[in-house]
Amino acid sequence: MRIISGIHKGRNIVAPSNLPARPTTDYAKEGLFNILNNRIDFTSVKLLDLFGGIGSISFEFASRECKSITYVDSHFGCFNFVKNKAKELKLDTIKTLKVNVFAYLKNCVEKFDVIFADPPFEMRETAKIPEIVFSNNYLTEDGILIIEHDQSHDFENTERFLEVRKYGKVHFSIFK
């Protein structure tokens, strides 16, 4: 995984091959961050990274000096990798939590400017994420929710859906 911009631009982060992760491709990540560059000031953003995997999105936001990052994943290996790599890179804004995402959302009391969710593509509960986020008011007034998914999910008729961007097999549905 390569960090594409910010203070760690160009840095390659190599995760152990035994982790169950599907990192966002550089092509898709570049497309997403081109969109975000025109919508948010990274230095004032409070990010929630759900199903964080090997931390590709968290590291990208941290490299852009994001104010606060909460990384959530239930896999011990992924959690441990991100926790240790964030410490090694002195990315103190990343708070790592090893917990089931839906359990975390059930008990969350914070609001975020950006919520990024990258659940396993085959996860059935993916369709419930917008409802959970919006019914519990987890976004700030101008906050956005981004869900990474494949072509098997279609959010276009979901309340608060804004747009979908497609980068090969990766789709980002954006909600406001």
N, C-alpha and C. Protein backbone atom coordinates (compact mmCIF):
# COMPACT_ATOMS: atom_id res chain seq x y z
N MET A 1 0.86 -1.17 0.00
CA MET A 1 0.00 0.00 0.00
C MET A 1 0.90 1.22 0.00
N ARG A 2 0.52 2.20 -0.78
CA ARG A 2 1.30 3.43 -0.92
C ARG A 2 0.46 4.61 -0.47
N ILE A 3 1.06 5.48 0.33
CA ILE A 3 0.38 6.72 0.71
C ILE A 3 0.57 7.70 -0.44
N ILE A 4 -0.56 8.26 -0.92
CA ILE A 4 -0.51 9.03 -2.16
C ILE A 4 -0.28 10.52 -1.98
N SER A 5 -0.48 11.04 -0.75
CA SER A 5 -0.28 12.48 -0.57
C SER A 5 -0.01 12.80 0.90
N GLY A 6 0.42 14.03 1.13
CA GLY A 6 0.62 14.50 2.49
C GLY A 6 2.05 14.31 2.98
N ILE A 7 2.22 14.37 4.28
CA ILE A 7 3.56 14.33 4.88
C ILE A 7 4.28 13.00 4.67
N HIS A 8 3.53 11.95 4.41
CA HIS A 8 4.13 10.63 4.14
C HIS A 8 3.96 10.22 2.68
N LYS A 9 3.76 11.20 1.80
CA LYS A 9 3.56 10.92 0.38
C LYS A 9 4.65 9.99 -0.17
N GLY A 10 4.20 8.96 -0.90
CA GLY A 10 5.12 8.03 -1.53
C GLY A 10 5.59 6.89 -0.65
N ARG A 11 5.29 6.95 0.64
CA ARG A 11 5.73 5.90 1.55
C ARG A 11 4.96 4.62 1.27
N ASN A 12 5.68 3.53 1.13
CA ASN A 12 5.06 2.22 0.98
C ASN A 12 4.94 1.58 2.35
N ILE A 13 3.77 1.07 2.63
CA ILE A 13 3.53 0.36 3.88
C ILE A 13 3.17 -1.06 3.50
N VAL A 14 4.00 -1.99 3.95
CA VAL A 14 3.81 -3.39 3.60
C VAL A 14 3.20 -4.13 4.79
N ALA A 15 2.00 -4.63 4.59
CA ALA A 15 1.32 -5.40 5.62
C ALA A 15 1.64 -6.87 5.46
N PRO A 16 1.60 -7.63 6.54
CA PRO A 16 1.80 -9.08 6.42
C PRO A 16 0.77 -9.68 5.47
N SER A 17 1.20 -10.64 4.68
CA SER A 17 0.32 -11.23 3.67
C SER A 17 -0.78 -12.11 4.26
N ASN A 18 -0.67 -12.45 5.54
CA ASN A 18 -1.68 -13.33 6.15
C ASN A 18 -2.87 -12.57 6.71
N LEU A 19 -2.94 -11.26 6.50
CA LEU A 19 -4.07 -10.49 7.01
C LEU A 19 -5.23 -10.53 6.02
N PRO A 20 -6.46 -10.67 6.53
CA PRO A 20 -7.63 -10.75 5.64
C PRO A 20 -8.09 -9.37 5.19
N ALA A 21 -7.30 -8.76 4.35
CA ALA A 21 -7.62 -7.40 3.94
C ALA A 21 -7.66 -7.30 2.42
N ARG A 22 -8.46 -6.36 1.96
CA ARG A 22 -8.56 -6.03 0.55
C ARG A 22 -8.31 -4.53 0.47
N PRO A 23 -7.03 -4.13 0.47
CA PRO A 23 -6.76 -2.70 0.50
C PRO A 23 -7.32 -1.98 -0.72
N THR A 24 -7.79 -0.78 -0.49
CA THR A 24 -8.28 0.05 -1.58
C THR A 24 -7.14 0.29 -2.57
N THR A 25 -7.40 0.06 -3.84
CA THR A 25 -6.35 0.22 -4.86
C THR A 25 -5.91 1.67 -4.93
N ASP A 26 -4.67 1.88 -5.36
CA ASP A 26 -4.17 3.25 -5.52
C ASP A 26 -5.05 4.04 -6.48
N TYR A 27 -5.47 3.41 -7.56
CA TYR A 27 -6.33 4.06 -8.56
C TYR A 27 -7.62 4.56 -7.91
N ALA A 28 -8.28 3.69 -7.15
CA ALA A 28 -9.54 4.07 -6.50
C ALA A 28 -9.31 5.11 -5.41
N LYS A 29 -8.24 4.92 -4.64
CA LYS A 29 -7.92 5.85 -3.56
C LYS A 29 -7.61 7.24 -4.11
N GLU A 30 -6.85 7.31 -5.20
CA GLU A 30 -6.56 8.60 -5.82
C GLU A 30 -7.84 9.28 -6.28
N GLY A 31 -8.74 8.52 -6.88
CA GLY A 31 -10.02 9.08 -7.31
C GLY A 31 -10.83 9.61 -6.15
N LEU A 32 -10.92 8.83 -5.09
CA LEU A 32 -11.67 9.24 -3.90
C LEU A 32 -11.08 10.51 -3.30
N PHE A 33 -9.76 10.55 -3.14
CA PHE A 33 -9.15 11.71 -2.51
C PHE A 33 -9.17 12.94 -3.40
N ASN A 34 -9.23 12.78 -4.70
CA ASN A 34 -9.44 13.93 -5.59
C ASN A 34 -10.80 14.55 -5.32
N ILE A 35 -11.80 13.72 -5.09
CA ILE A 35 -13.14 14.21 -4.76
C ILE A 35 -13.11 14.92 -3.41
N LEU A 36 -12.50 14.28 -2.42
CA LEU A 36 -12.48 14.83 -1.06
C LEU A 36 -11.68 16.13 -0.97
N ASN A 37 -10.63 16.25 -1.77
CA ASN A 37 -9.81 17.48 -1.75
C ASN A 37 -10.66 18.72 -2.02
N ASN A 38 -11.72 18.57 -2.81
CA ASN A 38 -12.58 19.69 -3.15
C ASN A 38 -13.74 19.89 -2.17
N ARG A 39 -13.87 18.99 -1.20
CA ARG A 39 -15.02 19.05 -0.30
C ARG A 39 -14.68 19.29 1.16
N ILE A 40 -13.46 18.93 1.56
CA ILE A 40 -13.14 19.03 2.99
C ILE A 40 -11.76 19.62 3.22
N ASP A 41 -11.59 20.16 4.43
CA ASP A 41 -10.29 20.62 4.91
C ASP A 41 -9.80 19.51 5.83
N PHE A 42 -8.85 18.73 5.36
CA PHE A 42 -8.40 17.55 6.10
C PHE A 42 -7.92 17.88 7.51
N THR A 43 -7.33 19.05 7.70
CA THR A 43 -6.76 19.37 9.01
C THR A 43 -7.83 19.62 10.08
N SER A 44 -9.07 19.79 9.67
CA SER A 44 -10.13 20.00 10.66
C SER A 44 -11.09 18.82 10.75
N VAL A 45 -10.77 17.72 10.06
CA VAL A 45 -11.68 16.57 9.97
C VAL A 45 -11.49 15.59 11.11
N LYS A 46 -12.63 15.12 11.60
CA LYS A 46 -12.67 14.01 12.55
C LYS A 46 -13.22 12.81 11.76
N LEU A 47 -12.37 11.78 11.56
CA LEU A 47 -12.68 10.63 10.71
C LEU A 47 -13.00 9.39 11.54
N LEU A 48 -14.00 8.64 11.08
CA LEU A 48 -14.27 7.31 11.60
C LEU A 48 -14.05 6.34 10.45
N ASP A 49 -13.08 5.43 10.62
CA ASP A 49 -12.72 4.45 9.59
C ASP A 49 -13.23 3.09 10.04
N LEU A 50 -14.37 2.66 9.47
CA LEU A 50 -15.00 1.40 9.85
C LEU A 50 -14.52 0.27 8.95
N PHE A 51 -14.32 -0.91 9.52
CA PHE A 51 -13.75 -2.05 8.79
C PHE A 51 -12.40 -1.61 8.23
N GLY A 52 -11.57 -1.03 9.08
CA GLY A 52 -10.35 -0.35 8.68
C GLY A 52 -9.28 -1.21 8.03
N GLY A 53 -9.36 -2.54 8.18
CA GLY A 53 -8.40 -3.42 7.53
C GLY A 53 -6.97 -3.08 7.88
N ILE A 54 -6.12 -2.92 6.87
CA ILE A 54 -4.71 -2.61 7.12
C ILE A 54 -4.45 -1.11 7.20
N GLY A 55 -5.50 -0.32 7.30
CA GLY A 55 -5.36 1.10 7.59
C GLY A 55 -5.09 2.03 6.42
N SER A 56 -5.30 1.57 5.22
CA SER A 56 -5.00 2.39 4.04
C SER A 56 -5.66 3.77 4.12
N ILE A 57 -6.93 3.81 4.45
CA ILE A 57 -7.65 5.09 4.51
C ILE A 57 -7.21 5.90 5.72
N SER A 58 -7.06 5.25 6.87
CA SER A 58 -6.60 5.97 8.07
C SER A 58 -5.23 6.59 7.85
N PHE A 59 -4.30 5.83 7.26
CA PHE A 59 -2.96 6.36 7.01
C PHE A 59 -2.98 7.52 6.02
N GLU A 60 -3.85 7.43 5.03
CA GLU A 60 -3.96 8.51 4.04
C GLU A 60 -4.48 9.78 4.69
N PHE A 61 -5.51 9.67 5.52
CA PHE A 61 -6.04 10.84 6.23
C PHE A 61 -5.00 11.40 7.20
N ALA A 62 -4.29 10.51 7.90
CA ALA A 62 -3.26 10.96 8.85
C ALA A 62 -2.13 11.68 8.13
N SER A 63 -1.74 11.18 6.98
CA SER A 63 -0.68 11.82 6.20
C SER A 63 -1.09 13.23 5.77
N ARG A 64 -2.38 13.44 5.62
CA ARG A 64 -2.91 14.75 5.25
C ARG A 64 -3.23 15.58 6.49
N GLU A 65 -2.72 15.14 7.63
CA GLU A 65 -2.81 15.84 8.92
C GLU A 65 -4.23 16.02 9.42
N CYS A 66 -5.02 14.97 9.25
CA CYS A 66 -6.38 14.93 9.77
C CYS A 66 -6.35 15.12 11.30
N LYS A 67 -7.30 15.87 11.81
CA LYS A 67 -7.34 16.23 13.23
C LYS A 67 -7.48 15.01 14.15
N SER A 68 -8.36 14.08 13.80
CA SER A 68 -8.66 12.94 14.66
C SER A 68 -9.14 11.78 13.82
N ILE A 69 -8.60 10.59 14.09
CA ILE A 69 -8.97 9.39 13.34
C ILE A 69 -9.29 8.27 14.32
N THR A 70 -10.47 7.69 14.17
CA THR A 70 -10.84 6.51 14.94
C THR A 70 -10.93 5.35 13.97
N TYR A 71 -10.02 4.40 14.13
CA TYR A 71 -9.92 3.20 13.29
C TYR A 71 -10.61 2.07 14.04
N VAL A 72 -11.54 1.37 13.37
CA VAL A 72 -12.28 0.27 13.99
C VAL A 72 -12.19 -0.97 13.12
N ASP A 73 -11.73 -2.07 13.70
CA ASP A 73 -11.71 -3.37 13.02
C ASP A 73 -11.70 -4.45 14.09
N SER A 74 -12.32 -5.57 13.79
CA SER A 74 -12.41 -6.66 14.78
C SER A 74 -11.31 -7.70 14.63
N HIS A 75 -10.54 -7.64 13.58
CA HIS A 75 -9.50 -8.65 13.36
C HIS A 75 -8.24 -8.24 14.13
N PHE A 76 -7.76 -9.12 15.02
CA PHE A 76 -6.63 -8.78 15.86
C PHE A 76 -5.38 -8.45 15.04
N GLY A 77 -5.10 -9.22 14.01
CA GLY A 77 -3.91 -8.98 13.20
C GLY A 77 -3.93 -7.62 12.53
N CYS A 78 -5.07 -7.25 11.95
CA CYS A 78 -5.20 -5.93 11.30
C CYS A 78 -5.08 -4.82 12.34
N PHE A 79 -5.81 -4.96 13.42
CA PHE A 79 -5.77 -3.97 14.51
C PHE A 79 -4.34 -3.78 15.00
N ASN A 80 -3.66 -4.87 15.27
CA ASN A 80 -2.30 -4.82 15.80
C ASN A 80 -1.34 -4.17 14.80
N PHE A 81 -1.47 -4.53 13.53
CA PHE A 81 -0.63 -3.95 12.48
C PHE A 81 -0.80 -2.43 12.43
N VAL A 82 -2.05 -1.96 12.39
CA VAL A 82 -2.30 -0.52 12.28
C VAL A 82 -1.83 0.20 13.54
N LYS A 83 -2.10 -0.36 14.68
CA LYS A 83 -1.67 0.24 15.94
C LYS A 83 -0.15 0.42 15.97
N ASN A 84 0.57 -0.63 15.62
CA ASN A 84 2.04 -0.58 15.64
C ASN A 84 2.60 0.33 14.55
N LYS A 85 2.03 0.28 13.36
CA LYS A 85 2.52 1.12 12.26
C LYS A 85 2.25 2.60 12.55
N ALA A 86 1.09 2.92 13.13
CA ALA A 86 0.79 4.31 13.49
C ALA A 86 1.79 4.82 14.53
N LYS A 87 2.13 3.97 15.48
CA LYS A 87 3.12 4.34 16.50
C LYS A 87 4.49 4.55 15.86
N GLU A 88 4.88 3.63 14.98
CA GLU A 88 6.17 3.72 14.29
C GLU A 88 6.28 5.00 13.47
N LEU A 89 5.19 5.39 12.80
CA LEU A 89 5.19 6.59 11.96
C LEU A 89 4.87 7.86 12.74
N LYS A 90 4.67 7.71 14.05
CA LYS A 90 4.34 8.85 14.93
C LYS A 90 3.06 9.55 14.48
N LEU A 91 2.07 8.74 14.10
CA LEU A 91 0.77 9.27 13.70
C LEU A 91 -0.17 9.19 14.91
N ASP A 92 0.02 10.13 15.82
CA ASP A 92 -0.69 10.12 17.10
C ASP A 92 -2.18 10.40 16.99
N THR A 93 -2.61 10.86 15.83
CA THR A 93 -4.03 11.18 15.67
C THR A 93 -4.87 9.93 15.42
N ILE A 94 -4.22 8.78 15.18
CA ILE A 94 -4.97 7.54 14.93
C ILE A 94 -5.20 6.80 16.24
N LYS A 95 -6.48 6.66 16.59
CA LYS A 95 -6.89 5.87 17.75
C LYS A 95 -7.43 4.54 17.21
N THR A 96 -6.83 3.43 17.61
CA THR A 96 -7.23 2.12 17.10
C THR A 96 -8.12 1.40 18.10
N LEU A 97 -9.19 0.81 17.59
CA LEU A 97 -10.12 0.05 18.41
C LEU A 97 -10.34 -1.32 17.80
N LYS A 98 -10.14 -2.36 18.59
CA LYS A 98 -10.41 -3.73 18.14
C LYS A 98 -11.79 -4.12 18.67
N VAL A 99 -12.77 -3.99 17.81
CA VAL A 99 -14.15 -4.25 18.20
C VAL A 99 -14.98 -4.49 16.93
N ASN A 100 -16.04 -5.23 17.05
CA ASN A 100 -16.98 -5.42 15.96
C ASN A 100 -17.58 -4.06 15.60
N VAL A 101 -17.61 -3.74 14.33
CA VAL A 101 -18.09 -2.43 13.88
C VAL A 101 -19.52 -2.17 14.33
N PHE A 102 -20.39 -3.15 14.20
CA PHE A 102 -21.80 -2.94 14.57
C PHE A 102 -21.96 -2.78 16.08
N ALA A 103 -21.13 -3.45 16.87
CA ALA A 103 -21.14 -3.26 18.32
C ALA A 103 -20.65 -1.85 18.65
N TYR A 104 -19.62 -1.40 17.95
CA TYR A 104 -19.11 -0.04 18.16
C TYR A 104 -20.20 0.99 17.84
N LEU A 105 -20.85 0.82 16.70
CA LEU A 105 -21.89 1.77 16.29
C LEU A 105 -23.07 1.78 17.26
N LYS A 106 -23.34 0.65 17.87
CA LYS A 106 -24.46 0.56 18.82
C LYS A 106 -24.19 1.43 20.05
N ASN A 107 -22.91 1.60 20.40
CA ASN A 107 -22.55 2.30 21.62
C ASN A 107 -21.83 3.63 21.39
N CYS A 108 -21.68 4.03 20.15
CA CYS A 108 -20.95 5.26 19.81
C CYS A 108 -21.69 6.49 20.34
N VAL A 109 -20.92 7.44 20.87
CA VAL A 109 -21.51 8.68 21.37
C VAL A 109 -20.88 9.91 20.70
N GLU A 110 -20.06 9.69 19.69
CA GLU A 110 -19.36 10.78 19.02
C GLU A 110 -20.00 11.13 17.69
N LYS A 111 -19.63 12.30 17.17
CA LYS A 111 -20.01 12.71 15.82
C LYS A 111 -18.73 12.86 15.01
N PHE A 112 -18.84 12.61 13.72
CA PHE A 112 -17.68 12.64 12.84
C PHE A 112 -17.99 13.49 11.61
N ASP A 113 -16.92 14.05 11.04
CA ASP A 113 -17.06 14.83 9.80
C ASP A 113 -17.09 13.91 8.59
N VAL A 114 -16.33 12.82 8.66
CA VAL A 114 -16.29 11.82 7.60
C VAL A 114 -16.35 10.45 8.24
N ILE A 115 -17.25 9.62 7.74
CA ILE A 115 -17.27 8.21 8.12
C ILE A 115 -17.01 7.42 6.85
N PHE A 116 -15.97 6.62 6.89
CA PHE A 116 -15.61 5.77 5.76
C PHE A 116 -15.81 4.32 6.18
N ALA A 117 -16.58 3.57 5.42
CA ALA A 117 -16.83 2.16 5.73
C ALA A 117 -16.41 1.30 4.54
N ASP A 118 -15.58 0.32 4.81
CA ASP A 118 -15.11 -0.60 3.76
C ASP A 118 -15.35 -2.04 4.22
N PRO A 119 -16.63 -2.42 4.33
CA PRO A 119 -16.94 -3.78 4.79
C PRO A 119 -16.55 -4.82 3.74
N PRO A 120 -16.41 -6.07 4.17
CA PRO A 120 -16.18 -7.13 3.18
C PRO A 120 -17.28 -7.06 2.12
N PHE A 121 -16.91 -7.19 0.86
CA PHE A 121 -17.88 -7.03 -0.21
C PHE A 121 -19.08 -7.97 -0.08
N GLU A 122 -18.87 -9.15 0.49
CA GLU A 122 -19.96 -10.12 0.60
C GLU A 122 -20.84 -9.91 1.83
N MET A 123 -20.54 -8.92 2.66
CA MET A 123 -21.30 -8.71 3.90
C MET A 123 -22.72 -8.25 3.60
N ARG A 124 -23.69 -8.96 4.13
CA ARG A 124 -25.10 -8.63 3.91
C ARG A 124 -25.52 -7.34 4.62
N GLU A 125 -24.91 -7.09 5.78
CA GLU A 125 -25.30 -5.93 6.59
C GLU A 125 -24.85 -4.60 6.02
N THR A 126 -24.09 -4.62 4.93
CA THR A 126 -23.60 -3.38 4.34
C THR A 126 -24.73 -2.40 4.06
N ALA A 127 -25.84 -2.89 3.59
CA ALA A 127 -26.98 -2.03 3.25
C ALA A 127 -27.54 -1.29 4.46
N LYS A 128 -27.28 -1.79 5.67
CA LYS A 128 -27.81 -1.17 6.89
C LYS A 128 -26.97 0.00 7.38
N ILE A 129 -25.76 0.13 6.87
CA ILE A 129 -24.84 1.14 7.40
C ILE A 129 -25.39 2.56 7.30
N PRO A 130 -25.92 3.00 6.14
CA PRO A 130 -26.45 4.37 6.09
C PRO A 130 -27.56 4.61 7.13
N GLU A 131 -28.47 3.68 7.25
CA GLU A 131 -29.56 3.83 8.22
C GLU A 131 -29.02 3.97 9.64
N ILE A 132 -28.06 3.13 9.99
CA ILE A 132 -27.48 3.19 11.34
C ILE A 132 -26.80 4.53 11.58
N VAL A 133 -26.02 4.97 10.62
CA VAL A 133 -25.29 6.23 10.76
C VAL A 133 -26.24 7.41 10.88
N PHE A 134 -27.24 7.49 10.00
CA PHE A 134 -28.11 8.66 10.00
C PHE A 134 -29.16 8.62 11.11
N SER A 135 -29.66 7.45 11.45
CA SER A 135 -30.66 7.40 12.52
C SER A 135 -30.05 7.69 13.89
N ASN A 136 -28.75 7.48 14.02
CA ASN A 136 -28.08 7.76 15.28
C ASN A 136 -27.32 9.08 15.26
N ASN A 137 -27.44 9.82 14.16
CA ASN A 137 -26.86 11.15 14.08
C ASN A 137 -25.34 11.16 14.31
N TYR A 138 -24.62 10.25 13.67
CA TYR A 138 -23.18 10.13 13.88
C TYR A 138 -22.36 11.11 13.04
N LEU A 139 -22.99 11.83 12.13
CA LEU A 139 -22.28 12.80 11.31
C LEU A 139 -22.55 14.22 11.80
N THR A 140 -21.54 15.07 11.64
CA THR A 140 -21.74 16.49 11.91
C THR A 140 -22.67 17.06 10.84
N GLU A 141 -23.06 18.29 10.99
CA GLU A 141 -24.03 18.90 10.07
C GLU A 141 -23.64 18.77 8.60
N ASP A 142 -22.39 19.00 8.26
CA ASP A 142 -21.94 18.90 6.87
C ASP A 142 -21.17 17.61 6.61
N GLY A 143 -21.29 16.65 7.50
CA GLY A 143 -20.52 15.42 7.40
C GLY A 143 -20.94 14.55 6.22
N ILE A 144 -20.01 13.66 5.82
CA ILE A 144 -20.30 12.74 4.73
C ILE A 144 -19.98 11.31 5.14
N LEU A 145 -20.76 10.40 4.60
CA LEU A 145 -20.56 8.97 4.76
C LEU A 145 -20.13 8.42 3.41
N ILE A 146 -19.07 7.62 3.41
CA ILE A 146 -18.59 6.99 2.19
C ILE A 146 -18.54 5.49 2.44
N ILE A 147 -19.17 4.73 1.56
CA ILE A 147 -19.13 3.27 1.67
C ILE A 147 -18.45 2.72 0.43
N GLU A 148 -17.39 1.95 0.66
CA GLU A 148 -16.71 1.27 -0.43
C GLU A 148 -17.37 -0.09 -0.62
N HIS A 149 -17.70 -0.42 -1.88
CA HIS A 149 -18.40 -1.67 -2.15
C HIS A 149 -18.17 -2.09 -3.59
N ASP A 150 -18.70 -3.24 -3.93
CA ASP A 150 -18.60 -3.71 -5.32
C ASP A 150 -19.94 -3.49 -6.02
N GLN A 151 -20.06 -3.99 -7.23
CA GLN A 151 -21.27 -3.77 -8.04
C GLN A 151 -22.51 -4.48 -7.50
N SER A 152 -22.36 -5.37 -6.53
CA SER A 152 -23.53 -6.09 -6.02
C SER A 152 -24.39 -5.23 -5.09
N HIS A 153 -23.87 -4.07 -4.67
CA HIS A 153 -24.65 -3.17 -3.81
C HIS A 153 -25.06 -1.95 -4.62
N ASP A 154 -26.29 -1.52 -4.42
CA ASP A 154 -26.80 -0.33 -5.10
C ASP A 154 -27.51 0.53 -4.06
N PHE A 155 -26.96 1.69 -3.79
CA PHE A 155 -27.50 2.57 -2.76
C PHE A 155 -28.29 3.74 -3.34
N GLU A 156 -28.47 3.78 -4.65
CA GLU A 156 -29.06 4.95 -5.29
C GLU A 156 -30.45 5.31 -4.80
N ASN A 157 -31.19 4.37 -4.28
CA ASN A 157 -32.53 4.67 -3.76
C ASN A 157 -32.53 4.79 -2.24
N THR A 158 -31.36 4.88 -1.65
CA THR A 158 -31.23 5.00 -0.20
C THR A 158 -31.31 6.47 0.19
N GLU A 159 -32.01 6.74 1.27
CA GLU A 159 -32.14 8.11 1.76
C GLU A 159 -30.76 8.72 1.98
N ARG A 160 -30.62 9.97 1.60
CA ARG A 160 -29.40 10.78 1.75
C ARG A 160 -28.27 10.38 0.81
N PHE A 161 -28.56 9.51 -0.13
CA PHE A 161 -27.57 9.14 -1.14
C PHE A 161 -27.27 10.36 -1.99
N LEU A 162 -26.00 10.60 -2.25
CA LEU A 162 -25.58 11.75 -3.04
C LEU A 162 -25.09 11.33 -4.43
N GLU A 163 -24.14 10.39 -4.45
CA GLU A 163 -23.58 9.94 -5.72
C GLU A 163 -22.79 8.66 -5.51
N VAL A 164 -22.48 8.00 -6.64
CA VAL A 164 -21.60 6.84 -6.63
C VAL A 164 -20.48 7.12 -7.63
N ARG A 165 -19.27 6.78 -7.23
CA ARG A 165 -18.12 6.89 -8.11
C ARG A 165 -17.55 5.49 -8.29
N LYS A 166 -17.23 5.14 -9.53
CA LYS A 166 -16.76 3.80 -9.85
C LYS A 166 -15.34 3.85 -10.38
N TYR A 167 -14.49 3.01 -9.80
CA TYR A 167 -13.09 2.90 -10.20
C TYR A 167 -12.79 1.42 -10.39
N GLY A 168 -12.99 0.93 -11.61
CA GLY A 168 -12.85 -0.50 -11.85
C GLY A 168 -13.93 -1.25 -11.09
N LYS A 169 -13.53 -2.22 -10.29
CA LYS A 169 -14.48 -3.01 -9.51
C LYS A 169 -14.86 -2.36 -8.19
N VAL A 170 -14.21 -1.26 -7.86
CA VAL A 170 -14.46 -0.56 -6.60
C VAL A 170 -15.45 0.57 -6.83
N HIS A 171 -16.46 0.63 -5.97
CA HIS A 171 -17.46 1.69 -6.00
C HIS A 171 -17.44 2.42 -4.66
N PHE A 172 -17.60 3.75 -4.72
CA PHE A 172 -17.75 4.55 -3.51
C PHE A 172 -19.11 5.21 -3.57
N SER A 173 -19.99 4.84 -2.65
CA SER A 173 -21.28 5.53 -2.54
C SER A 173 -21.12 6.59 -1.47
N ILE A 174 -21.54 7.80 -1.81
CA ILE A 174 -21.36 8.95 -0.93
C ILE A 174 -22.73 9.45 -0.51
N PHE A 175 -22.85 9.71 0.80
CA PHE A 175 -24.11 10.17 1.41
C PHE A 175 -23.82 11.45 2.17
N LYS A 176 -24.84 12.29 2.27
CA LYS A 176 -24.71 13.55 3.02
C LYS A 176 -25.89 13.75 3.92
